[in-house]
Amino acid sequence: MLSILIPTYNYDVFGLTAEVQRQCRLSGIVFEIIVLDDASYRFTTENDRINTLDHCSYSILGQNIGRSKIRNLLAWKARYDWLLFLDADTFPTSDDFIPNYLTEISNGEKVIDGGILYKPEKPGKDKMLRWTYGNDREALDVPSRNQNPYWAFLSLNFLIPKRLFEKVRFDETLPNLRHEDTVFSFTMQQLRIPIKHISNPVFHLGLDDFETMLRKEHEALSSFKNLLLTGKISYDYLRMGRYYRFLKRSHLDFFVKAFFKLTRKSLIADISKANPSLFWYDVYRIGYLCSIPDQ
């Protein structure tokens, strides 16, 4: 009935697996939980305990294949008709997490997005930018997500029929630099596959420190520009794409690049504060995007 698919890399995912397995057993459903490790070098001993849980398996790939390929491989290994994808650094916010998804299972061709929350306790200064960004831009309520259902889609907590997943799949041609979920949701939009957003969130536990977040953002922006230039997504799909197209068409990107070069250090100082400004973070992002050479 339900295949729960969890990709992991250098993360202890035993607690998540055990909790989801407990809820499945209490629900009395036919299920399996498959955890695939993308060639980790940490937490493999801890995660190997997953193999002691009924209907659960954990295995390590011989080489790192990236976020898109590992999700497609998990779907290929799945035996059941419904696939529930969860990221390793998440955890259900309630004991009804699995029952809530079970009420959505039907013959309908749709994707169910459960959403995300961040714990209310503020982290240390070094992780405040990630916490602030997550709460403001990702942890949206259902009405807000349903206003822009494709744009609001996150691949860390969603349910999809296997037959529908096989029509979409994650694009394995993408560089392993993030935005695979952006292309996935854009493809769903192009194919007119409906997304239903519900209130069934997981906590996002893996808060990156400032340096890690900035590095990942640089990677994501490089990937995003590649997606725009190769036509993998349209400029209209995300707000950042619309901004970038306007700057390019107005020949203002050169000035934004120059401004970014002059103010980069001060922008970093501002967004690394204990109370970071997302406005200046967006300014940093568009400046960095304009500074990436066309390829």
Protein backbone atom coordinates (compact mmCIF):
# COMPACT_ATOMS: atom_id res chain seq x y z
CA MET A 1 0.00 0.00 0.00
CA LEU A 2 2.58 2.61 1.12
CA SER A 3 6.31 2.86 0.40
CA ILE A 4 8.10 5.44 2.54
CA LEU A 5 11.30 6.56 0.87
CA ILE A 6 14.10 8.35 2.72
CA PRO A 7 17.37 9.39 1.07
CA THR A 8 20.17 10.23 3.47
CA TYR A 9 23.74 11.47 3.45
CA ASN A 10 25.84 11.82 6.60
CA TYR A 11 22.75 12.06 8.82
CA ASP A 12 21.41 9.88 11.63
CA VAL A 13 17.99 8.88 10.33
CA PHE A 14 17.19 6.06 12.76
CA GLY A 15 14.88 8.20 14.93
CA LEU A 16 12.80 9.36 11.96
CA THR A 17 12.54 5.83 10.59
CA ALA A 18 11.52 4.36 13.95
CA GLU A 19 8.82 7.01 14.47
CA VAL A 20 7.31 6.59 11.02
CA GLN A 21 7.45 2.79 11.39
CA ARG A 22 5.64 3.06 14.75
CA GLN A 23 2.84 5.12 13.23
CA CYS A 24 2.50 2.73 10.29
CA ARG A 25 2.22 -0.28 12.59
CA LEU A 26 -0.43 1.45 14.71
CA SER A 27 -2.36 2.28 11.53
CA GLY A 28 -2.42 -1.40 10.56
CA ILE A 29 -1.42 -0.77 6.95
CA VAL A 30 0.81 -2.68 4.56
CA PHE A 31 3.99 -0.66 4.29
CA GLU A 32 7.73 -0.60 3.73
CA ILE A 33 10.37 1.98 4.64
CA ILE A 34 13.40 2.14 2.38
CA VAL A 35 16.38 4.23 3.44
CA LEU A 36 19.13 4.70 0.87
CA ASP A 37 22.45 6.18 1.94
CA ASP A 38 24.25 8.17 -0.76
CA ALA A 39 27.75 6.84 0.10
CA SER A 40 28.03 8.43 3.54
CA TYR A 41 31.11 8.29 5.72
CA ARG A 42 29.30 9.22 8.95
CA PHE A 43 26.40 7.69 10.97
CA THR A 44 26.47 4.42 9.04
CA THR A 45 26.66 2.36 12.24
CA GLU A 46 23.75 4.26 13.78
CA ASN A 47 21.67 3.90 10.62
CA ASP A 48 22.42 0.21 10.25
CA ARG A 49 20.05 -0.34 13.21
CA ILE A 50 17.21 0.43 10.78
CA ASN A 51 17.61 -3.11 9.46
CA THR A 52 16.43 -4.42 12.84
CA LEU A 53 13.03 -2.74 12.40
CA ASP A 54 10.18 -4.70 10.80
CA HIS A 55 9.45 -3.74 7.18
CA CYS A 56 12.45 -1.39 7.09
CA SER A 57 15.68 -1.54 5.14
CA TYR A 58 18.86 0.49 5.06
CA SER A 59 21.60 0.17 2.46
CA ILE A 60 24.61 2.22 1.40
CA LEU A 61 25.37 3.04 -2.22
CA GLY A 62 28.86 2.35 -3.49
CA GLN A 63 29.25 5.87 -4.83
CA ASN A 64 27.50 9.20 -4.44
CA ILE A 65 24.85 9.69 -7.13
CA GLY A 66 23.15 12.92 -6.01
CA ARG A 67 19.72 14.09 -4.95
CA SER A 68 17.81 13.42 -8.17
CA LYS A 69 19.14 9.98 -8.96
CA ILE A 70 18.76 8.65 -5.43
CA ARG A 71 15.09 9.68 -5.30
CA ASN A 72 14.41 8.01 -8.64
CA LEU A 73 16.24 4.90 -7.44
CA LEU A 74 14.12 4.81 -4.27
CA ALA A 75 10.96 4.99 -6.36
CA TRP A 76 12.22 2.19 -8.59
CA LYS A 77 12.84 -0.01 -5.55
CA ALA A 78 9.41 0.71 -4.05
CA ARG A 79 6.91 -2.17 -4.13
CA TYR A 80 3.69 -0.31 -3.37
CA ASP A 81 1.39 2.05 -5.25
CA TRP A 82 1.83 5.14 -3.07
CA LEU A 83 5.18 6.80 -2.38
CA LEU A 84 5.85 9.03 0.61
CA PHE A 85 9.13 10.94 0.27
CA LEU A 86 10.76 12.30 3.42
CA ASP A 87 14.10 14.03 3.81
CA ALA A 88 16.48 12.64 6.40
CA ASP A 89 16.56 15.83 8.51
CA THR A 90 12.81 15.95 9.11
CA PHE A 91 10.53 14.61 11.85
CA PRO A 92 6.71 14.40 12.09
CA THR A 93 5.10 17.10 14.17
CA SER A 94 2.26 14.87 15.35
CA ASP A 95 1.28 11.27 16.08
CA ASP A 96 -1.27 11.52 13.26
CA PHE A 97 1.27 12.11 10.53
CA ILE A 98 0.75 8.78 8.76
CA PRO A 99 -3.04 8.64 9.42
CA ASN A 100 -3.39 12.14 7.94
CA TYR A 101 -1.74 11.00 4.72
CA LEU A 102 -3.82 7.80 4.63
CA THR A 103 -7.01 9.86 4.45
CA GLU A 104 -5.66 11.43 1.23
CA ILE A 105 -4.99 8.15 -0.54
CA SER A 106 -7.43 7.67 -3.38
CA ASN A 107 -7.48 6.89 -7.05
CA GLY A 108 -7.01 10.55 -7.91
CA GLU A 109 -3.98 11.64 -9.92
CA LYS A 110 -2.60 14.25 -7.57
CA VAL A 111 0.39 15.05 -5.40
CA ILE A 112 -0.11 15.72 -1.69
CA ASP A 113 2.30 18.16 -0.01
CA GLY A 114 2.24 18.06 3.78
CA GLY A 115 4.30 21.16 4.47
CA ILE A 116 7.10 22.07 6.84
CA LEU A 117 7.59 23.77 10.20
CA TYR A 118 10.56 25.00 12.17
CA LYS A 119 10.75 24.62 15.91
CA PRO A 120 9.79 27.88 17.66
CA GLU A 121 12.92 28.03 19.80
CA LYS A 122 15.41 30.42 18.22
CA PRO A 123 18.79 28.86 17.45
CA GLY A 124 22.18 30.46 18.04
CA LYS A 125 23.28 33.45 15.98
CA ASP A 126 25.18 31.29 13.50
CA LYS A 127 21.97 29.51 12.42
CA MET A 128 19.57 32.45 12.61
CA LEU A 129 19.59 33.21 8.89
CA ARG A 130 18.48 29.67 8.01
CA TRP A 131 15.83 29.67 10.74
CA THR A 132 14.53 33.10 9.73
CA TYR A 133 14.44 32.25 6.03
CA GLY A 134 12.72 28.92 6.71
CA ASN A 135 10.02 30.42 8.87
CA ASP A 136 9.31 33.28 6.47
CA ARG A 137 9.63 31.58 3.07
CA GLU A 138 9.04 27.84 3.62
CA ALA A 139 6.81 27.30 6.68
CA LEU A 140 3.71 28.67 4.96
CA ASP A 141 0.13 27.89 5.95
CA VAL A 142 -2.14 25.91 3.64
CA PRO A 143 -4.02 28.90 2.13
CA SER A 144 -0.72 30.59 1.26
CA ARG A 145 0.68 27.44 -0.32
CA ASN A 146 -2.48 26.78 -2.32
CA GLN A 147 -2.29 30.28 -3.83
CA ASN A 148 0.89 29.19 -5.65
CA PRO A 149 0.78 25.39 -5.34
CA TYR A 150 3.71 24.61 -7.63
CA TRP A 151 6.01 27.36 -6.40
CA ALA A 152 5.29 26.33 -2.78
CA PHE A 153 6.10 22.66 -3.37
CA LEU A 154 8.95 21.18 -1.29
CA SER A 155 10.28 17.70 -1.95
CA LEU A 156 11.06 16.93 1.69
CA ASN A 157 7.54 15.76 2.62
CA PHE A 158 5.14 14.70 -0.11
CA LEU A 159 2.92 11.81 -1.15
CA ILE A 160 2.52 10.74 -4.78
CA PRO A 161 1.05 7.73 -6.62
CA LYS A 162 3.84 5.65 -8.11
CA ARG A 163 2.25 5.69 -11.56
CA LEU A 164 2.23 9.49 -11.42
CA PHE A 165 5.82 9.71 -10.23
CA GLU A 166 6.90 7.68 -13.24
CA LYS A 167 5.50 10.42 -15.49
CA VAL A 168 7.48 13.15 -13.76
CA ARG A 169 10.57 11.78 -12.03
CA PHE A 170 13.48 13.91 -10.89
CA ASP A 171 15.69 15.19 -13.71
CA GLU A 172 18.95 13.24 -13.52
CA THR A 173 20.66 15.50 -16.07
CA LEU A 174 20.80 18.39 -13.59
CA PRO A 175 24.08 19.31 -11.90
CA ASN A 176 24.00 18.15 -8.29
CA LEU A 177 23.73 21.75 -7.10
CA ARG A 178 20.14 21.91 -5.78
CA HIS A 179 16.86 23.11 -7.32
CA GLU A 180 15.91 19.56 -8.31
CA ASP A 181 12.59 20.13 -6.55
CA THR A 182 12.08 23.36 -8.55
CA VAL A 183 12.41 21.48 -11.83
CA PHE A 184 10.21 18.67 -10.47
CA SER A 185 7.40 21.08 -9.58
CA PHE A 186 7.81 23.02 -12.85
CA THR A 187 7.43 19.74 -14.75
CA MET A 188 4.27 18.97 -12.79
CA GLN A 189 2.92 22.39 -13.71
CA GLN A 190 3.68 21.81 -17.40
CA LEU A 191 1.95 18.43 -17.26
CA ARG A 192 -0.96 19.95 -15.32
CA ILE A 193 -0.57 17.49 -12.49
CA PRO A 194 -2.54 18.86 -9.52
CA ILE A 195 -0.87 19.50 -6.18
CA LYS A 196 -2.94 19.53 -3.01
CA HIS A 197 -1.38 21.22 0.00
CA ILE A 198 -2.53 19.97 3.38
CA SER A 199 -1.58 20.66 6.99
CA ASN A 200 0.53 17.61 7.78
CA PRO A 201 3.97 19.11 8.41
CA VAL A 202 7.30 17.81 9.47
CA PHE A 203 9.86 19.74 11.47
CA HIS A 204 12.94 20.64 9.48
CA LEU A 205 15.73 19.86 11.91
CA GLY A 206 18.85 20.29 9.79
CA LEU A 207 19.58 23.99 10.28
CA ASP A 208 22.75 24.97 8.45
CA ASP A 209 25.20 27.38 10.01
CA PHE A 210 25.82 30.67 8.22
CA GLU A 211 28.85 29.60 6.19
CA THR A 212 27.17 26.37 5.07
CA MET A 213 23.98 28.17 4.11
CA LEU A 214 25.88 30.75 2.10
CA ARG A 215 27.85 28.05 0.29
CA LYS A 216 24.66 26.15 -0.53
CA GLU A 217 23.00 29.36 -1.70
CA HIS A 218 25.91 30.01 -4.07
CA GLU A 219 25.50 26.49 -5.45
CA ALA A 220 21.75 26.93 -5.75
CA LEU A 221 22.09 30.23 -7.61
CA SER A 222 24.62 28.72 -10.03
CA SER A 223 22.20 25.87 -10.65
CA PHE A 224 19.28 28.30 -10.99
CA LYS A 225 21.07 30.34 -13.66
CA ASN A 226 21.91 27.15 -15.52
CA LEU A 227 18.25 26.12 -15.42
CA LEU A 228 17.18 29.49 -16.85
CA LEU A 229 19.78 29.49 -19.62
CA THR A 230 19.04 25.89 -20.64
CA GLY A 231 15.27 26.35 -20.54
CA LYS A 232 14.71 23.78 -17.79
CA ILE A 233 12.44 26.33 -16.10
CA SER A 234 10.94 29.58 -17.36
CA TYR A 235 12.02 33.01 -16.13
CA ASP A 236 8.43 33.60 -14.99
CA TYR A 237 8.31 30.56 -12.73
CA LEU A 238 10.10 32.09 -9.73
CA ARG A 239 10.32 35.69 -8.58
CA MET A 240 14.12 35.62 -8.76
CA GLY A 241 13.92 34.66 -12.43
CA ARG A 242 11.61 37.58 -13.19
CA TYR A 243 13.97 40.00 -11.42
CA TYR A 244 16.97 38.65 -13.28
CA ARG A 245 15.25 38.87 -16.69
CA PHE A 246 14.25 42.47 -16.00
CA LEU A 247 17.82 43.41 -15.07
CA LYS A 248 19.22 41.70 -18.15
CA ARG A 249 16.70 43.26 -20.54
CA SER A 250 17.22 46.69 -18.98
CA HIS A 251 21.02 46.28 -19.13
CA LEU A 252 21.12 46.94 -15.40
CA ASP A 253 22.79 43.66 -14.46
CA PHE A 254 26.23 45.25 -14.92
CA PHE A 255 25.41 47.92 -12.32
CA VAL A 256 23.98 45.33 -9.92
CA LYS A 257 27.16 43.30 -10.32
CA ALA A 258 29.30 46.37 -9.59
CA PHE A 259 27.15 47.29 -6.59
CA PHE A 260 27.45 43.73 -5.28
CA LYS A 261 31.22 43.80 -5.59
CA LEU A 262 31.40 47.02 -3.57
CA THR A 263 28.91 46.04 -0.88
CA ARG A 264 29.40 42.29 -0.54
CA LYS A 265 31.25 42.47 2.77
CA SER A 266 28.70 44.82 4.33
CA LEU A 267 25.82 42.66 3.08
CA ILE A 268 27.40 39.59 4.66
CA ALA A 269 27.87 41.50 7.90
CA ASP A 270 24.18 42.41 7.92
CA ILE A 271 22.71 39.00 7.08
CA SER A 272 24.97 37.24 9.59
CA LYS A 273 23.55 39.25 12.50
CA ALA A 274 21.42 37.72 15.24
CA ASN A 275 18.39 39.40 13.59
CA PRO A 276 19.14 39.07 9.87
CA SER A 277 17.26 41.03 7.22
CA LEU A 278 15.75 38.91 4.46
CA PHE A 279 15.52 42.02 2.29
CA TRP A 280 19.30 42.37 2.31
CA TYR A 281 19.63 38.63 1.88
CA ASP A 282 17.57 38.92 -1.32
CA VAL A 283 19.79 41.82 -2.43
CA TYR A 284 22.82 39.61 -1.82
CA ARG A 285 21.25 36.78 -3.82
CA ILE A 286 20.37 38.87 -6.87
CA GLY A 287 23.82 40.47 -6.77
CA TYR A 288 25.51 37.09 -6.67
CA LEU A 289 23.25 35.80 -9.48
CA CYS A 290 24.21 38.74 -11.71
CA SER A 291 27.89 38.06 -10.95
CA ILE A 292 27.82 34.48 -12.21
CA PRO A 293 29.33 34.34 -15.72
CA ASP A 294 27.06 33.15 -18.53
CA GLN A 295 28.02 29.71 -19.76
